[in-house]
Protein backbone atom coordinates (compact mmCIF):
# COMPACT_ATOMS: atom_id res chain seq x y z
CA UNK A 1 -7.44 46.12 2.99
CA UNK A 2 -8.25 45.00 -0.55
CA UNK A 3 -6.06 45.94 -3.43
CA UNK A 4 -6.40 45.62 -7.19
CA UNK A 5 -3.29 43.91 -8.43
CA UNK A 6 -2.62 41.55 -11.29
CA UNK A 7 0.56 39.50 -11.23
CA UNK A 8 2.42 40.08 -14.52
CA UNK A 9 2.73 36.91 -16.57
CA UNK A 10 6.45 37.45 -17.04
CA UNK A 11 7.00 37.62 -13.27
CA UNK A 12 5.13 34.37 -12.62
CA UNK A 13 6.90 32.60 -15.51
CA UNK A 14 10.27 33.87 -14.29
CA UNK A 15 9.61 32.46 -10.81
CA UNK A 16 8.63 29.10 -12.31
CA UNK A 17 11.70 29.02 -14.57
CA UNK A 18 14.16 29.92 -11.82
CA UNK A 19 12.57 27.34 -9.54
CA UNK A 20 12.83 24.71 -12.27
CA UNK A 21 16.52 25.37 -12.86
CA UNK A 22 17.30 25.34 -9.14
CA UNK A 23 15.36 22.12 -8.55
CA UNK A 24 17.02 20.25 -11.41
CA UNK A 25 20.50 21.38 -10.35
CA UNK A 26 19.78 20.27 -6.79
CA UNK A 27 18.44 16.86 -7.86
CA UNK A 28 21.32 16.19 -10.26
CA UNK A 29 23.77 16.36 -7.36
CA UNK A 30 22.35 13.16 -5.80
CA UNK A 31 24.62 10.74 -7.65
CA UNK A 32 23.96 7.91 -5.21
CA UNK A 33 20.21 7.96 -5.98
CA UNK A 34 20.92 7.04 -9.63
CA UNK A 35 18.25 9.36 -10.91
CA UNK A 36 17.66 9.14 -14.63
CA UNK A 37 17.17 12.18 -16.81
CA UNK A 38 13.39 11.97 -16.54
CA UNK A 39 13.59 11.85 -12.74
CA UNK A 40 15.79 14.94 -12.59
CA UNK A 41 13.47 16.76 -14.99
CA UNK A 42 10.37 15.85 -12.95
CA UNK A 43 11.94 17.15 -9.76
CA UNK A 44 12.89 20.37 -11.53
CA UNK A 45 9.34 20.77 -12.81
CA UNK A 46 7.90 20.11 -9.34
CA UNK A 47 10.23 22.73 -7.86
CA UNK A 48 9.18 25.27 -10.46
CA UNK A 49 5.44 24.69 -10.24
CA UNK A 50 5.16 23.60 -6.60
CA UNK A 51 4.97 27.05 -5.04
CA UNK A 52 2.19 28.18 -7.35
CA UNK A 53 0.23 24.94 -6.93
CA UNK A 54 0.32 25.15 -3.14
CA UNK A 55 -0.59 28.85 -3.24
CA UNK A 56 -3.62 28.39 -5.49
CA UNK A 57 -4.87 25.34 -3.57
CA UNK A 58 -4.76 27.36 -0.34
CA UNK A 59 -6.66 30.17 -2.05
CA UNK A 60 -9.26 27.76 -3.45
CA UNK A 61 -8.48 28.64 -7.05
CA UNK A 62 -7.69 26.70 -10.20
CA UNK A 63 -3.87 26.43 -10.27
CA UNK A 64 -2.72 29.14 -12.65
CA UNK A 65 -0.16 26.74 -14.12
CA UNK A 66 -3.10 24.74 -15.53
CA UNK A 67 -4.91 27.77 -16.94
CA UNK A 68 -2.22 28.85 -19.39
CA UNK A 69 -0.09 27.17 -22.03
CA UNK A 70 3.09 28.90 -20.80
CA UNK A 71 3.76 27.51 -17.34
CA UNK A 72 4.37 23.82 -17.93
CA UNK A 73 6.63 24.34 -21.01
CA UNK A 74 8.59 26.99 -19.09
CA UNK A 75 9.09 24.60 -16.17
CA UNK A 76 10.14 21.76 -18.50
CA UNK A 77 12.59 23.93 -20.44
CA UNK A 78 14.07 25.37 -17.24
CA UNK A 79 14.47 21.89 -15.72
CA UNK A 80 16.25 20.68 -18.86
CA UNK A 81 18.58 23.68 -18.79
CA UNK A 82 19.36 23.05 -15.13
CA UNK A 83 19.98 19.37 -15.83
CA UNK A 84 22.23 19.95 -18.84
CA UNK A 85 24.24 22.71 -17.15
CA UNK A 86 24.36 21.04 -13.73
CA UNK A 87 28.17 20.76 -13.73
CA UNK A 88 28.50 24.44 -14.55
CA UNK A 89 26.13 25.44 -11.74
CA UNK A 90 27.78 23.02 -9.30
CA UNK A 91 31.15 24.64 -9.87
CA UNK A 92 29.49 27.96 -9.17
CA UNK A 93 28.02 27.13 -5.77
CA UNK A 94 27.26 30.79 -5.21
CA UNK A 95 25.06 30.81 -8.30
CA UNK A 96 22.94 27.96 -6.91
CA UNK A 97 22.54 29.84 -3.63
CA UNK A 98 21.50 32.97 -5.49
CA UNK A 99 18.98 31.04 -7.61
CA UNK A 100 17.56 29.44 -4.50
CA UNK A 101 17.19 32.77 -2.69
CA UNK A 102 15.70 34.47 -5.75
CA UNK A 103 13.14 31.68 -6.15
CA UNK A 104 12.03 32.04 -2.53
CA UNK A 105 11.75 35.82 -2.87
CA UNK A 106 9.74 35.73 -6.08
CA UNK A 107 7.24 33.13 -4.90
CA UNK A 108 6.90 34.93 -1.56
CA UNK A 109 6.05 38.25 -3.23
CA UNK A 110 3.71 36.68 -5.77
CA UNK A 111 1.90 34.59 -3.16
CA UNK A 112 1.45 37.49 -0.76
CA UNK A 113 0.22 39.95 -3.38
CA UNK A 114 -2.19 37.40 -4.84
CA UNK A 115 -3.62 36.69 -1.38
CA UNK A 116 -4.07 40.42 -0.73
CA UNK A 117 -5.60 41.00 -4.15
CA UNK A 118 -8.49 38.62 -3.44
CA UNK A 119 -9.20 40.25 -0.09
CA UNK A 120 -7.44 38.03 2.46
CA UNK A 121 -6.55 39.74 5.75
CA UNK A 122 -2.93 40.55 6.44
CA UNK A 123 -2.02 37.57 8.66
CA UNK A 124 -3.42 34.89 6.30
CA UNK A 125 -1.74 36.70 3.40
CA UNK A 126 1.63 36.38 5.15
CA UNK A 127 0.93 32.69 5.72
CA UNK A 128 0.07 32.13 2.06
CA UNK A 129 3.16 34.04 0.91
CA UNK A 130 5.43 32.02 3.20
CA UNK A 131 3.98 28.67 2.16
CA UNK A 132 4.17 29.69 -1.51
CA UNK A 133 7.86 30.42 -1.08
CA UNK A 134 8.69 26.99 0.33
CA UNK A 135 6.08 24.92 -1.57
CA UNK A 136 8.46 23.96 -4.37
CA UNK A 137 11.16 23.02 -1.87
CA UNK A 138 8.71 20.77 -0.02
CA UNK A 139 7.71 18.90 -3.18
CA UNK A 140 11.35 18.60 -4.26
CA UNK A 141 12.44 17.08 -0.96
CA UNK A 142 9.44 14.74 -0.79
CA UNK A 143 10.20 13.41 -4.28
CA UNK A 144 13.86 12.95 -3.37
CA UNK A 145 12.90 11.31 -0.05
CA UNK A 146 15.19 13.62 1.93
CA UNK A 147 14.43 15.66 5.06
CA UNK A 148 12.36 18.72 4.20
CA UNK A 149 14.90 21.53 4.26
CA UNK A 150 13.01 24.27 6.07
CA UNK A 151 11.94 21.94 8.92
CA UNK A 152 15.50 21.10 9.95
CA UNK A 153 18.43 23.03 11.33
CA UNK A 154 20.05 24.94 8.51
CA UNK A 155 19.95 28.21 6.62
CA UNK A 156 16.75 30.18 6.92
CA UNK A 157 14.02 29.37 4.38
CA UNK A 158 10.61 29.96 5.88
CA UNK A 159 11.86 32.69 8.22
CA UNK A 160 13.29 34.68 5.32
CA UNK A 161 10.03 34.31 3.41
CA UNK A 162 7.93 35.27 6.43
CA UNK A 163 10.00 38.42 7.04
CA UNK A 164 9.74 39.37 3.36
CA UNK A 165 5.99 38.76 3.31
CA UNK A 166 5.45 40.80 6.48
CA UNK A 167 7.48 43.61 4.95
CA UNK A 168 5.25 43.63 1.88
CA UNK A 169 2.07 43.66 3.96
CA UNK A 170 3.37 46.46 6.20
CA UNK A 171 4.38 48.59 3.21
CA UNK A 172 0.98 48.05 1.62
CA UNK A 173 -0.76 49.15 4.81
CA UNK A 174 1.09 52.47 4.81
CA UNK A 175 0.22 53.13 1.17
CA UNK A 176 3.37 52.10 -0.68
CA UNK A 177 2.53 51.08 -4.29
CA UNK A 178 2.11 47.32 -4.43
CA UNK A 179 4.68 46.83 -7.21
CA UNK A 180 7.35 48.66 -5.20
CA UNK A 181 6.33 46.75 -2.08
CA UNK A 182 6.68 43.47 -3.97
CA UNK A 183 10.16 44.41 -5.21
CA UNK A 184 11.23 45.29 -1.67
CA UNK A 185 9.77 41.98 -0.47
CA UNK A 186 11.91 40.07 -2.98
CA UNK A 187 14.99 42.06 -1.95
CA UNK A 188 14.42 41.48 1.78
CA UNK A 189 13.76 37.76 1.37
CA UNK A 190 16.68 37.34 -1.01
CA UNK A 191 19.06 39.29 1.21
CA UNK A 192 18.11 37.49 4.40
CA UNK A 193 18.40 34.07 2.77
CA UNK A 194 21.82 34.83 1.23
CA UNK A 195 23.17 36.32 4.46
CA UNK A 196 21.91 33.28 6.36
CA UNK A 197 23.86 30.97 4.04
CA UNK A 198 27.10 32.91 4.17
CA UNK A 199 26.99 33.66 7.92
CA UNK A 200 25.41 30.34 8.91
CA UNK A 201 22.41 31.90 10.62
CA UNK A 202 19.93 29.31 11.85
CA UNK A 203 16.81 29.03 13.94
CA UNK A 204 17.69 27.67 17.41
CA UNK A 205 17.62 23.88 17.51
CA UNK A 206 14.99 22.10 19.53
CA UNK A 207 16.48 20.83 22.77
CA UNK A 208 15.13 18.24 25.16
CA UNK A 209 14.20 19.78 28.47
CA UNK A 210 16.15 18.44 31.38
CA UNK A 211 14.03 16.34 33.70
CA UNK A 212 12.88 18.46 36.61
CA UNK A 213 13.73 17.14 40.06
CA UNK A 214 10.87 15.43 41.79
CA UNK A 215 9.29 17.34 44.60
CA UNK A 216 9.11 15.47 47.89
CA UNK A 217 5.72 14.01 48.65
CA UNK A 218 3.82 15.58 51.47
CA UNK A 219 3.05 13.18 54.26
CA UNK A 220 -0.47 13.09 55.48
């Protein structure tokens, strides 16, 4: 089902800015890495722009962050704010969690709606929305040389995004206006991610299967 939908510039810029703040705050906490100010800023910028870059590469389009003068300055300014106010955000651990969850929700909704707007089927659209949501996190963790968060036991990242994206697609199929569906997607993703943090919900850990007992050989 194809839909005509244009992502508002303010929504995309907001997602980039929130991602930039969250990434810089996260990077600034790694005191033992001795990151300089430029390093922290670069990681913040990668977090802010990463989701959109991954999304547009998957869709075979010119990254929207390179087609406008607003995206890169917004990511830089947001990263600097996150870096300068890192101590304030660190004291407010809940604020960092909220920023993180909001970033995931925004990129999930934007990625899913953009995929639907160019005619992708529902399942690929969910995939694009989920990857868009965690793209900035992947780049952030790669640059910091730490385990990629959503691939390890911990609070739900990709699952929250996938549920939010599926919610958006389902609502669109039953005729809910796409803007309302996108808002609900952000709310579902945000809520699931926050609840996962506070209640320590996780995906079951991979366990090694116990070796099965050998069957006796049949004598000929």
